[in-house]
C-alpha atoms as a PDB file:
ATOM      1  CA  MET A   1     135.597 116.066 132.291  1.00  0.00           C
ATOM      2  CA  LEU A   2     134.893 112.705 133.821  1.00  0.00           C
ATOM      3  CA  LYS A   3     137.544 110.067 133.299  1.00  0.00           C
ATOM      4  CA  ASN A   4     136.996 106.337 133.249  1.00  0.00           C
ATOM      5  CA  ASN A   5     138.987 104.549 135.937  1.00  0.00           C
ATOM      6  CA  TYR A   6     139.746 100.862 135.537  1.00  0.00           C
ATOM      7  CA  THR A   7     141.166  98.667 138.260  1.00  0.00           C
ATOM      8  CA  TYR A   8     142.775  95.466 137.074  1.00  0.00           C
ATOM      9  CA  VAL A   9     142.278  92.544 139.422  1.00  0.00           C
ATOM     10  CA  SER A  10     144.155  89.386 138.603  1.00  0.00           C
ATOM     11  CA  ASN A  11     142.583  86.007 139.202  1.00  0.00           C
ATOM     12  CA  PHE A  12     146.014  84.667 140.079  1.00  0.00           C
ATOM     13  CA  SER A  13     148.161  85.300 143.136  1.00  0.00           C
ATOM     14  CA  GLN A  14     151.578  84.063 144.195  1.00  0.00           C
ATOM     15  CA  PHE A  15     151.089  82.425 147.584  1.00  0.00           C
ATOM     16  CA  VAL A  16     154.315  80.461 148.121  1.00  0.00           C
ATOM     17  CA  SER A  17     157.914  81.016 147.070  1.00  0.00           C
ATOM     18  CA  VAL A  18     161.118  79.108 147.761  1.00  0.00           C
ATOM     19  CA  ASN A  19     164.332  81.113 147.386  1.00  0.00           C
ATOM     20  CA  LEU A  20     167.855  79.690 147.525  1.00  0.00           C
ATOM     21  CA  TYR A  21     170.819  81.824 148.572  1.00  0.00           C
ATOM     22  CA  HIS A  22     174.591  81.337 148.600  1.00  0.00           C
ATOM     23  CA  SER A  23     177.107  83.703 150.192  1.00  0.00           C
ATOM     24  CA  TYR A  24     179.655  82.910 147.451  1.00  0.00           C
ATOM     25  CA  TYR A  25     177.762  85.019 144.936  1.00  0.00           C
ATOM     26  CA  LYS A  26     178.035  88.788 144.866  1.00  0.00           C
ATOM     27  CA  ASP A  27     174.266  89.237 145.054  1.00  0.00           C
ATOM     28  CA  ASN A  28     173.824  86.215 147.349  1.00  0.00           C
ATOM     29  CA  LEU A  29     171.424  84.544 144.888  1.00  0.00           C
ATOM     30  CA  LEU A  30     171.872  80.879 143.954  1.00  0.00           C
ATOM     31  CA  ARG A  31     170.776  80.912 140.325  1.00  0.00           C
ATOM     32  CA  ASP A  32     172.636  77.839 139.054  1.00  0.00           C
ATOM     33  CA  LEU A  33     169.847  75.351 139.629  1.00  0.00           C
ATOM     34  CA  GLU A  34     167.002  73.528 137.938  1.00  0.00           C
ATOM     35  CA  VAL A  35     163.770  72.650 139.744  1.00  0.00           C
ATOM     36  CA  VAL A  36     161.902  69.466 138.842  1.00  0.00           C
ATOM     37  CA  VAL A  37     158.425  68.454 140.023  1.00  0.00           C
ATOM     38  CA  ASP A  38     157.748  64.754 140.587  1.00  0.00           C
ATOM     39  CA  GLN A  39     154.717  63.153 138.938  1.00  0.00           C
ATOM     40  CA  GLU A  40     152.556  62.898 142.062  1.00  0.00           C
ATOM     41  CA  THR A  41     153.113  66.541 142.952  1.00  0.00           C
ATOM     42  CA  SER A  42     152.510  67.620 139.379  1.00  0.00           C
ATOM     43  CA  THR A  43     149.128  65.864 139.422  1.00  0.00           C
ATOM     44  CA  LEU A  44     148.194  67.545 142.718  1.00  0.00           C
ATOM     45  CA  LEU A  45     149.169  70.985 141.442  1.00  0.00           C
ATOM     46  CA  GLN A  46     147.017  70.528 138.379  1.00  0.00           C
ATOM     47  CA  SER A  47     143.991  69.351 140.373  1.00  0.00           C
ATOM     48  CA  TYR A  48     144.241  72.406 142.650  1.00  0.00           C
ATOM     49  CA  GLY A  49     144.811  74.792 139.771  1.00  0.00           C
ATOM     50  CA  ILE A  50     148.287  75.687 141.045  1.00  0.00           C
ATOM     51  CA  LEU A  51     150.928  76.914 138.627  1.00  0.00           C
ATOM     52  CA  ILE A  52     154.671  76.635 139.293  1.00  0.00           C
ATOM     53  CA  ARG A  53     156.866  79.439 138.039  1.00  0.00           C
ATOM     54  CA  ALA A  54     160.645  79.618 137.930  1.00  0.00           C
ATOM     55  CA  ILE A  55     162.183  82.672 139.611  1.00  0.00           C
ATOM     56  CA  ASP A  56     165.793  83.840 139.635  1.00  0.00           C
ATOM     57  CA  ASN A  57     166.874  81.706 142.584  1.00  0.00           C
ATOM     58  CA  GLY A  58     164.097  79.195 143.099  1.00  0.00           C
ATOM     59  CA  PHE A  59     160.430  78.797 142.279  1.00  0.00           C
ATOM     60  CA  ALA A  60     157.012  80.141 143.180  1.00  0.00           C
ATOM     61  CA  LEU A  61     153.512  78.662 143.397  1.00  0.00           C
ATOM     62  CA  ILE A  62     150.617  80.622 141.947  1.00  0.00           C
ATOM     63  CA  THR A  63     146.983  79.895 142.718  1.00  0.00           C
ATOM     64  CA  LYS A  64     143.864  80.852 140.799  1.00  0.00           C
ATOM     65  CA  LYS A  65     141.004  82.503 142.674  1.00  0.00           C
ATOM     66  CA  ASP A  66     138.071  80.218 141.999  1.00  0.00           C
ATOM     67  CA  ALA A  67     135.067  79.506 144.231  1.00  0.00           C
ATOM     68  CA  LYS A  68     135.230  75.811 143.442  1.00  0.00           C
ATOM     69  CA  PHE A  69     138.465  75.517 145.476  1.00  0.00           C
ATOM     70  CA  GLU A  70     136.505  76.560 148.590  1.00  0.00           C
ATOM     71  CA  ALA A  71     134.679  73.233 148.515  1.00  0.00           C
ATOM     72  CA  ASN A  72     135.289  70.806 151.368  1.00  0.00           C
ATOM     73  CA  SER A  73     136.772  68.292 148.924  1.00  0.00           C
ATOM     74  CA  PHE A  74     139.860  70.538 148.710  1.00  0.00           C
ATOM     75  CA  ALA A  75     140.311  70.743 152.508  1.00  0.00           C
ATOM     76  CA  GLY A  76     143.269  69.201 154.312  1.00  0.00           C
ATOM     77  CA  ALA A  77     147.038  69.290 154.074  1.00  0.00           C
ATOM     78  CA  LEU A  78     148.606  69.469 150.648  1.00  0.00           C
ATOM     79  CA  LYS A  79     151.937  67.617 150.590  1.00  0.00           C
ATOM     80  CA  LEU A  80     154.296  68.534 147.779  1.00  0.00           C
ATOM     81  CA  LYS A  81     157.781  67.417 146.722  1.00  0.00           C
ATOM     82  CA  PHE A  82     160.250  69.327 144.566  1.00  0.00           C
ATOM     83  CA  VAL A  83     163.723  68.308 143.426  1.00  0.00           C
ATOM     84  CA  PHE A  84     166.448  70.780 142.546  1.00  0.00           C
ATOM     85  CA  LYS A  85     169.565  70.019 140.570  1.00  0.00           C
ATOM     86  CA  LEU A  86     172.722  72.098 140.999  1.00  0.00           C
ATOM     87  CA  LYS A  87     174.241  73.194 137.700  1.00  0.00           C
ATOM     88  CA  ASN A  88     177.465  74.784 139.001  1.00  0.00           C
ATOM     89  CA  ALA A  89     180.176  72.142 138.525  1.00  0.00           C
ATOM     90  CA  ALA A  90     182.200  73.770 141.323  1.00  0.00           C
ATOM     91  CA  PHE A  91     179.343  73.809 143.855  1.00  0.00           C
ATOM     92  CA  LEU A  92     181.088  71.311 146.151  1.00  0.00           C
ATOM     93  CA  ASN A  93     184.282  73.379 146.097  1.00  0.00           C
ATOM     94  CA  ILE A  94     182.644  76.688 146.978  1.00  0.00           C
ATOM     95  CA  THR A  95     180.158  75.443 149.583  1.00  0.00           C
ATOM     96  CA  ASP A  96     180.708  74.786 153.287  1.00  0.00           C
ATOM     97  CA  ILE A  97     179.482  71.182 153.283  1.00  0.00           C
ATOM     98  CA  PRO A  98     181.203  67.793 153.673  1.00  0.00           C
ATOM     99  CA  TYR A  99     183.596  67.171 150.797  1.00  0.00           C
ATOM    100  CA  SER A 100     181.780  64.349 149.021  1.00  0.00           C
ATOM    101  CA  ASN A 101     180.067  64.154 145.640  1.00  0.00           C
ATOM    102  CA  ASN A 102     177.321  61.738 146.718  1.00  0.00           C
ATOM    103  CA  GLN A 103     175.082  63.936 148.827  1.00  0.00           C
ATOM    104  CA  LYS A 104     171.393  64.758 148.932  1.00  0.00           C
ATOM    105  CA  PHE A 105     170.062  67.890 150.621  1.00  0.00           C
ATOM    106  CA  VAL A 106     166.690  67.461 152.320  1.00  0.00           C
ATOM    107  CA  PHE A 107     164.513  70.383 153.399  1.00  0.00           C
ATOM    108  CA  GLN A 108     160.985  70.645 154.744  1.00  0.00           C
ATOM    109  CA  ASN A 109     158.835  73.327 156.309  1.00  0.00           C
ATOM    110  CA  THR A 110     157.762  73.105 159.947  1.00  0.00           C
ATOM    111  CA  GLN A 111     154.616  75.207 159.463  1.00  0.00           C
ATOM    112  CA  ASP A 112     152.662  77.065 156.800  1.00  0.00           C
ATOM    113  CA  LEU A 113     151.399  80.120 158.642  1.00  0.00           C
ATOM    114  CA  SER A 114     154.434  82.367 158.245  1.00  0.00           C
ATOM    115  CA  SER A 115     157.672  82.573 156.298  1.00  0.00           C
ATOM    116  CA  GLU A 116     160.684  80.587 157.533  1.00  0.00           C
ATOM    117  CA  LYS A 117     164.039  79.077 156.670  1.00  0.00           C
ATOM    118  CA  LEU A 118     163.868  75.434 155.682  1.00  0.00           C
ATOM    119  CA  HIS A 119     166.770  74.497 157.962  1.00  0.00           C
ATOM    120  CA  PRO A 120     167.313  75.020 161.718  1.00  0.00           C
ATOM    121  CA  GLU A 121     170.718  76.718 161.598  1.00  0.00           C
ATOM    122  CA  VAL A 122     171.761  79.954 159.921  1.00  0.00           C
ATOM    123  CA  TYR A 123     173.194  77.992 157.000  1.00  0.00           C
ATOM    124  CA  VAL A 124     172.682  74.527 155.578  1.00  0.00           C
ATOM    125  CA  ASP A 125     174.740  71.978 157.506  1.00  0.00           C
ATOM    126  CA  GLU A 126     175.053  68.215 157.982  1.00  0.00           C
ATOM    127  CA  LYS A 127     171.594  67.985 159.551  1.00  0.00           C
ATOM    128  CA  ASN A 128     170.175  68.699 156.083  1.00  0.00           C
ATOM    129  CA  ILE A 129     172.407  66.234 154.242  1.00  0.00           C
ATOM    130  CA  GLN A 130     172.017  62.536 153.509  1.00  0.00           C
ATOM    131  CA  ASN A 131     174.415  60.208 151.757  1.00  0.00           C
ATOM    132  CA  THR A 132     173.115  58.751 148.533  1.00  0.00           C
ATOM    133  CA  ASP A 133     174.119  56.156 145.963  1.00  0.00           C
ATOM    134  CA  GLU A 134     173.317  58.604 143.196  1.00  0.00           C
ATOM    135  CA  ASP A 135     176.162  60.587 141.654  1.00  0.00           C
ATOM    136  CA  GLY A 136     176.335  64.326 142.153  1.00  0.00           C
ATOM    137  CA  LEU A 137     174.663  66.825 144.426  1.00  0.00           C
ATOM    138  CA  PHE A 138     170.936  67.468 144.425  1.00  0.00           C
ATOM    139  CA  GLY A 139     168.196  68.465 146.827  1.00  0.00           C
ATOM    140  CA  GLU A 140     164.641  67.569 147.801  1.00  0.00           C
ATOM    141  CA  ILE A 141     162.174  70.088 149.198  1.00  0.00           C
ATOM    142  CA  TYR A 142     159.043  68.888 150.983  1.00  0.00           C
ATOM    143  CA  LEU A 143     156.266  71.395 151.624  1.00  0.00           C
ATOM    144  CA  SER A 144     153.150  70.717 153.663  1.00  0.00           C
ATOM    145  CA  LEU A 145     150.592  73.447 152.972  1.00  0.00           C
ATOM    146  CA  ASN A 146     146.974  74.289 153.818  1.00  0.00           C
ATOM    147  CA  SER A 147     147.097  73.008 157.409  1.00  0.00           C
ATOM    148  CA  LYS A 148     144.315  75.399 158.433  1.00  0.00           C
ATOM    149  CA  ASN A 149     142.497  75.282 155.102  1.00  0.00           C
ATOM    150  CA  GLN A 150     143.708  78.823 154.603  1.00  0.00           C
ATOM    151  CA  PHE A 151     144.341  78.318 150.892  1.00  0.00           C
ATOM    152  CA  PHE A 152     141.816  75.684 149.867  1.00  0.00           C
ATOM    153  CA  GLY A 153     138.700  73.969 151.220  1.00  0.00           C
ATOM    154  CA  SER A 154     137.019  76.761 153.198  1.00  0.00           C
ATOM    155  CA  GLU A 155     134.991  79.897 152.630  1.00  0.00           C
ATOM    156  CA  SER A 156     137.953  82.009 153.765  1.00  0.00           C
ATOM    157  CA  ALA A 157     140.258  80.318 151.272  1.00  0.00           C
ATOM    158  CA  GLY A 158     139.600  83.017 148.729  1.00  0.00           C
ATOM    159  CA  GLU A 159     140.809  85.787 151.032  1.00  0.00           C
ATOM    160  CA  THR A 160     144.109  87.486 150.282  1.00  0.00           C
ATOM    161  CA  LEU A 161     146.914  86.080 152.441  1.00  0.00           C
ATOM    162  CA  ASP A 162     150.519  87.137 152.861  1.00  0.00           C
ATOM    163  CA  GLU A 163     152.856  85.173 150.633  1.00  0.00           C
ATOM    164  CA  LEU A 164     154.717  82.358 152.366  1.00  0.00           C
ATOM    165  CA  LYS A 165     158.398  82.882 151.696  1.00  0.00           C
ATOM    166  CA  TYR A 166     160.596  79.880 152.378  1.00  0.00           C
ATOM    167  CA  SER A 167     164.366  80.137 152.049  1.00  0.00           C
ATOM    168  CA  ILE A 168     167.493  77.994 151.932  1.00  0.00           C
ATOM    169  CA  HIS A 169     170.911  79.492 152.685  1.00  0.00           C
ATOM    170  CA  PHE A 170     174.258  77.945 151.718  1.00  0.00           C
ATOM    171  CA  ALA A 171     177.534  79.298 153.134  1.00  0.00           C
ATOM    172  CA  ALA A 172     180.769  79.796 151.218  1.00  0.00           C
ATOM    173  CA  ARG A 173     183.686  77.509 152.035  1.00  0.00           C
ATOM    174  CA  GLU A 174     186.718  78.770 153.951  1.00  0.00           C
ATOM    175  CA  VAL A 175     190.019  78.227 152.124  1.00  0.00           C
ATOM    176  CA  LYS A 176     193.647  79.257 152.113  1.00  0.00           C
ATOM    177  CA  PHE A 177     195.140  80.816 148.998  1.00  0.00           C
ATOM    178  CA  ARG A 178     198.205  78.976 147.736  1.00  0.00           C
ATOM    179  CA  TYR A 179     200.280  80.641 145.010  1.00  0.00           C
ATOM    180  CA  ASN A 180     202.454  78.220 143.047  1.00  0.00           C
ATOM    181  CA  PHE A 181     205.287  79.420 140.800  1.00  0.00           C
ATOM    182  CA  TYR A 182     207.056  77.382 138.165  1.00  0.00           C
ATOM    183  CA  SER A 183     209.278  77.832 135.143  1.00  0.00           C
ATOM    184  CA  THR A 184     210.540  75.883 132.162  1.00  0.00           C
ATOM    185  CA  GLU A 185     214.026  77.015 133.184  1.00  0.00           C
ATOM    186  CA  PRO A 186     215.700  76.592 136.589  1.00  0.00           C
ATOM    187  CA  ILE A 187     214.569  79.321 138.983  1.00  0.00           C
ATOM    188  CA  VAL A 188     217.557  81.113 140.491  1.00  0.00           C
ATOM    189  CA  ASP A 189     217.525  83.015 143.788  1.00  0.00           C
ATOM    190  CA  PHE A 190     213.861  82.410 144.573  1.00  0.00           C
ATOM    191  CA  GLU A 191     214.563  83.597 148.114  1.00  0.00           C
ATOM    192  CA  LYS A 192     214.583  87.113 146.663  1.00  0.00           C
ATOM    193  CA  TYR A 193     210.940  86.850 145.605  1.00  0.00           C
ATOM    194  CA  PHE A 194     208.070  87.931 147.831  1.00  0.00           C
ATOM    195  CA  ILE A 195     204.337  88.597 147.750  1.00  0.00           C
ATOM    196  CA  THR A 196     202.879  91.982 148.633  1.00  0.00           C
ATOM    197  CA  ASP A 197     199.851  94.189 147.971  1.00  0.00           C
ATOM    198  CA  GLU A 198     199.388  97.444 146.042  1.00  0.00           C
ATOM    199  CA  GLN A 199     200.598  99.544 148.972  1.00  0.00           C
ATOM    200  CA  ASN A 200     203.567  97.281 149.780  1.00  0.00           C
ATOM    201  CA  SER A 201     202.123  97.116 153.289  1.00  0.00           C
ATOM    202  CA  PHE A 202     203.623  93.684 153.922  1.00  0.00           C
ATOM    203  CA  LYS A 203     206.242  91.397 152.478  1.00  0.00           C
ATOM    204  CA  MET A 204     205.631  87.642 152.510  1.00  0.00           C
ATOM    205  CA  LYS A 205     208.878  85.779 151.896  1.00  0.00           C
ATOM    206  CA  LYS A 206     208.273  82.413 153.535  1.00  0.00           C
ATOM    207  CA  TYR A 207     207.894  79.785 150.831  1.00  0.00           C
ATOM    208  CA  ASP A 208     208.235  76.064 150.330  1.00  0.00           C
ATOM    209  CA  THR A 209     208.583  73.660 147.425  1.00  0.00           C
ATOM    210  CA  ARG A 210     206.648  70.639 146.239  1.00  0.00           C
ATOM    211  CA  VAL A 211     206.500  68.404 143.197  1.00  0.00           C
ATOM    212  CA  LEU A 212     203.170  68.121 141.388  1.00  0.00           C
ATOM    213  CA  ALA A 213     201.738  64.838 140.116  1.00  0.00           C
ATOM    214  CA  ASN A 214     203.046  65.669 136.621  1.00  0.00           C
ATOM    215  CA  GLY A 215     206.588  66.050 137.967  1.00  0.00           C
ATOM    216  CA  THR A 216     206.710  69.862 137.897  1.00  0.00           C
ATOM    217  CA  LEU A 217     208.628  71.539 140.712  1.00  0.00           C
ATOM    218  CA  VAL A 218     206.780  74.528 142.141  1.00  0.00           C
ATOM    219  CA  TYR A 219     207.726  77.145 144.688  1.00  0.00           C
ATOM    220  CA  TYR A 220     204.696  78.166 146.701  1.00  0.00           C
ATOM    221  CA  PHE A 221     203.435  80.653 149.249  1.00  0.00           C
ATOM    222  CA  VAL A 222     200.420  80.029 151.461  1.00  0.00           C
ATOM    223  CA  LEU A 223     198.619  83.142 152.653  1.00  0.00           C
ATOM    224  CA  GLU A 224     198.350  83.032 156.421  1.00  0.00           C
ATOM    225  CA  ASP A 225     194.720  84.092 156.774  1.00  0.00           C
ATOM    226  CA  SER A 226     191.882  81.917 155.540  1.00  0.00           C
ATOM    227  CA  VAL A 227     189.221  83.551 153.384  1.00  0.00           C
ATOM    228  CA  LEU A 228     185.688  82.731 152.333  1.00  0.00           C
ATOM    229  CA  VAL A 229     185.577  81.901 148.638  1.00  0.00           C
ATOM    230  CA  SER A 230     183.802  84.592 146.679  1.00  0.00           C
ATOM    231  CA  GLN A 231     182.685  85.434 143.181  1.00  0.00           C
ATOM    232  CA  ASN A 232     184.598  88.694 143.514  1.00  0.00           C
ATOM    233  CA  TYR A 233     187.729  89.668 145.435  1.00  0.00           C
ATOM    234  CA  SER A 234     188.843  93.221 146.056  1.00  0.00           C
ATOM    235  CA  SER A 235     192.449  92.973 147.240  1.00  0.00           C
ATOM    236  CA  LYS A 236     195.242  92.773 144.669  1.00  0.00           C
ATOM    237  CA  LEU A 237     198.475  90.889 145.236  1.00  0.00           C
ATOM    238  CA  TYR A 238     201.778  90.950 143.371  1.00  0.00           C
ATOM    239  CA  LEU A 239     204.895  88.849 143.117  1.00  0.00           C
ATOM    240  CA  LYS A 240     207.933  91.077 143.376  1.00  0.00           C
ATOM    241  CA  LYS A 241     211.657  90.611 143.728  1.00  0.00           C
ATOM    242  CA  ASP A 242     214.324  92.208 145.838  1.00  0.00           C
ATOM    243  CA  ASP A 243     216.871  93.320 143.286  1.00  0.00           C
ATOM    244  CA  ASP A 244     219.090  96.248 142.449  1.00  0.00           C
ATOM    245  CA  PHE A 245     217.405  99.575 141.670  1.00  0.00           C
ATOM    246  CA  LEU A 246     218.051  99.161 137.932  1.00  0.00           C
ATOM    247  CA  THR A 247     215.863  96.061 137.779  1.00  0.00           C
ATOM    248  CA  TYR A 248     212.166  96.069 138.605  1.00  0.00           C
ATOM    249  CA  PHE A 249     210.129  92.869 138.720  1.00  0.00           C
ATOM    250  CA  SER A 250     206.399  92.863 139.479  1.00  0.00           C
ATOM    251  CA  VAL A 251     203.732  90.371 138.394  1.00  0.00           C
ATOM    252  CA  PHE A 252     200.048  90.755 139.219  1.00  0.00           C
ATOM    253  CA  LEU A 253     198.725  87.567 140.784  1.00  0.00           C
ATOM    254  CA  PRO A 254     195.427  86.378 139.293  1.00  0.00           C
ATOM    255  CA  TYR A 255     192.521  85.626 141.584  1.00  0.00           C
ATOM    256  CA  PRO A 256     191.980  81.961 142.427  1.00  0.00           C
ATOM    257  CA  LYS A 257     189.251  80.075 140.565  1.00  0.00           C
ATOM    258  CA  PRO A 258     186.771  77.787 142.350  1.00  0.00           C
ATOM    259  CA  SER A 259     187.745  74.888 140.078  1.00  0.00           C
ATOM    260  CA  THR A 260     191.194  74.763 141.723  1.00  0.00           C
ATOM    261  CA  ILE A 261     190.008  74.270 145.304  1.00  0.00           C
ATOM    262  CA  ASN A 262     191.341  71.044 146.801  1.00  0.00           C
ATOM    263  CA  PHE A 263     191.231  69.364 150.179  1.00  0.00           C
ATOM    264  CA  ASP A 264     194.608  68.446 151.682  1.00  0.00           C
ATOM    265  CA  ALA A 265     193.974  65.539 154.059  1.00  0.00           C
ATOM    266  CA  ASP A 266     197.448  65.794 155.620  1.00  0.00           C
ATOM    267  CA  LYS A 267     196.948  69.438 156.564  1.00  0.00           C
ATOM    268  CA  ASN A 268     193.178  69.065 157.060  1.00  0.00           C
ATOM    269  CA  SER A 269     192.644  72.260 155.080  1.00  0.00           C
ATOM    270  CA  PHE A 270     191.169  73.446 151.814  1.00  0.00           C
ATOM    271  CA  PHE A 271     193.567  75.211 149.451  1.00  0.00           C
ATOM    272  CA  ASN A 272     192.649  77.389 146.510  1.00  0.00           C
ATOM    273  CA  ASP A 273     195.584  77.062 144.124  1.00  0.00           C
ATOM    274  CA  VAL A 274     196.879  79.586 141.639  1.00  0.00           C
ATOM    275  CA  PHE A 275     199.640  78.562 139.210  1.00  0.00           C
ATOM    276  CA  VAL A 276     201.877  81.263 137.744  1.00  0.00           C
ATOM    277  CA  LYS A 277     204.706  80.801 135.275  1.00  0.00           C
ATOM    278  CA  ILE A 278     207.700  83.057 135.867  1.00  0.00           C
END
């Protein structure tokens, strides 16, 4: 028996995508953003029949296969501007960038013939950052496309081309964990307390004290090794106490939250604070 075979051919194809990544997240995808198209770019996209589509960690441009876009009137570079807004309130804390709230990230492609990162180094750094009078953190992405009339304005414009994949990579900030302990009652014999892991493979007993802005006295330990902030941590730490064998004290220490990362100008270091009542 003969069977009818149908091949579906879409008139639309995704020809450009911009993906943002961040090493803080478990899957490395920076999803906490909103992309906005300025009016001039929006008008250009409409005149070229280009659709913009949100993807998990960025956006994509989709073009319609239409012979009219092969006309010479569509030839020449197509210059586009996109703005992205960062929705994670702790973005500054978790990201390896200068510690200032008034910053604008600026990215642009160097060519449109193959995929590339939109910044020269492995991760975004100060070369991609400008100070701004506007509050908050946001970014601008400038794309110059169609330099060889490979998408529009030529007879070959209708041919299938490999998708241009542009990417932006943010790095997680390096911090030191600082565990702060306090009580509503006077803490006695704090020198008997120590921090250790599940296997009791080490015993950290060196601590110090400080008074918080609200007047609370805390006893604190600073972990010696710096770590990159992460959405997930695997190691587990405990506060324990050297005491007689009839008494056992062990408290699991919660993982630090990005909202409690602070820069200490005196020590020139970032600390991720955890506060525990004992």
